[in-house]
Amino acid sequence: MEQFIEIVKDVLVFIASFGILLASYRLWVEKDRKNIIYARIHILGVIDCACFLIFLALGETLLAFVYLILAPFLAHAIAHAAYNDNLSE
């Protein structure tokens, strides 16, 4: 049973890592256009979810939940600052 749990953890880390790589690639190749900052924040949200899954798989539940709480607040703060500074135009 413990071997099965280790396999599930490894698969979860692999899938999350693949999601991080794919999202990072999309973040890099995205062309500059109107409101691109919001698209980039969305891509970073995908990376945040993958990191949360990796923390859970590695047994770092406290760190995972702190990350889960802080990441949306940080994304909102960046989007709000961009909106107020008219960076999206």
Protein backbone atom coordinates (compact mmCIF):
# COMPACT_ATOMS: atom_id res chain seq x y z
CA MET A 1 0.00 0.00 0.00
CA GLU A 2 2.83 2.40 0.83
CA GLN A 3 4.44 1.69 -2.52
CA PHE A 4 1.17 2.65 -4.24
CA ILE A 5 1.07 5.96 -2.35
CA GLU A 6 4.65 6.71 -3.43
CA ILE A 7 3.74 6.00 -7.06
CA VAL A 8 0.73 8.32 -6.82
CA LYS A 9 2.92 11.05 -5.33
CA ASP A 10 5.47 10.64 -8.11
CA VAL A 11 2.80 10.80 -10.80
CA LEU A 12 1.27 13.89 -9.19
CA VAL A 13 4.65 15.64 -9.07
CA PHE A 14 5.32 14.68 -12.71
CA ILE A 15 1.96 16.00 -13.93
CA ALA A 16 2.31 19.22 -11.97
CA SER A 17 5.87 19.72 -13.22
CA PHE A 18 4.71 19.19 -16.81
CA GLY A 19 1.98 21.80 -16.22
CA ILE A 20 4.56 24.25 -14.91
CA LEU A 21 6.77 23.72 -17.97
CA LEU A 22 3.86 24.11 -20.38
CA ALA A 23 2.56 27.24 -18.66
CA SER A 24 6.06 28.71 -18.54
CA TYR A 25 6.43 28.15 -22.27
CA ARG A 26 3.10 29.89 -22.92
CA LEU A 27 4.18 32.75 -20.69
CA TRP A 28 7.34 33.17 -22.72
CA VAL A 29 5.85 33.00 -26.24
CA GLU A 30 2.80 35.15 -25.58
CA LYS A 31 2.89 38.19 -27.86
CA ASP A 32 2.42 41.71 -26.53
CA ARG A 33 -1.09 42.97 -27.10
CA LYS A 34 -3.81 44.84 -25.26
CA ASN A 35 -4.57 43.46 -21.79
CA ILE A 36 -1.72 40.93 -22.02
CA ILE A 37 -0.92 41.39 -18.34
CA TYR A 38 -4.20 39.70 -17.40
CA ALA A 39 -3.45 36.74 -19.67
CA ARG A 40 -0.02 36.41 -18.10
CA ILE A 41 -1.51 36.51 -14.61
CA HIS A 42 -3.88 33.72 -15.64
CA ILE A 43 -0.94 31.62 -16.88
CA LEU A 44 0.83 32.21 -13.57
CA GLY A 45 -2.33 31.00 -11.81
CA VAL A 46 -1.90 27.67 -13.57
CA ILE A 47 1.66 27.48 -12.28
CA ASP A 48 0.41 28.32 -8.77
CA CYS A 49 -2.06 25.42 -8.86
CA ALA A 50 0.67 23.04 -9.98
CA CYS A 51 2.97 24.22 -7.17
CA PHE A 52 0.15 23.68 -4.68
CA LEU A 53 -0.23 20.08 -5.89
CA ILE A 54 3.52 19.49 -5.65
CA PHE A 55 3.59 20.78 -2.07
CA LEU A 56 0.73 18.45 -1.17
CA ALA A 57 2.43 15.48 -2.82
CA LEU A 58 5.64 16.15 -0.94
CA GLY A 59 3.79 16.24 2.37
CA GLU A 60 4.21 19.96 3.00
CA THR A 61 0.55 20.61 3.81
CA LEU A 62 1.08 23.77 5.86
CA LEU A 63 3.25 25.32 3.17
CA ALA A 64 0.72 24.24 0.51
CA PHE A 65 -2.20 25.92 2.24
CA VAL A 66 -0.23 29.11 2.96
CA TYR A 67 0.69 29.18 -0.74
CA LEU A 68 -2.93 28.52 -1.70
CA ILE A 69 -4.07 31.48 0.41
CA LEU A 70 -1.34 33.94 -0.60
CA ALA A 71 -1.10 33.31 -4.36
CA PRO A 72 -4.58 34.63 -5.29
CA PHE A 73 -4.07 37.74 -3.17
CA LEU A 74 -0.77 38.45 -4.91
CA ALA A 75 -2.30 37.95 -8.37
CA HIS A 76 -5.15 40.26 -7.48
CA ALA A 77 -2.74 42.92 -6.19
CA ILE A 78 -0.71 42.79 -9.41
CA ALA A 79 -3.84 42.98 -11.60
CA HIS A 80 -5.28 45.82 -9.52
CA ALA A 81 -2.03 47.80 -9.73
CA ALA A 82 -1.88 47.26 -13.49
CA TYR A 83 -5.49 48.38 -13.89
CA ASN A 84 -4.96 51.52 -11.82
CA ASP A 85 -1.71 52.41 -13.60
CA ASN A 86 -3.27 51.82 -17.05
CA LEU A 87 -0.60 49.26 -17.96
CA SER A 88 -3.21 47.20 -19.79
CA GLU A 89 -3.71 49.75 -22.55
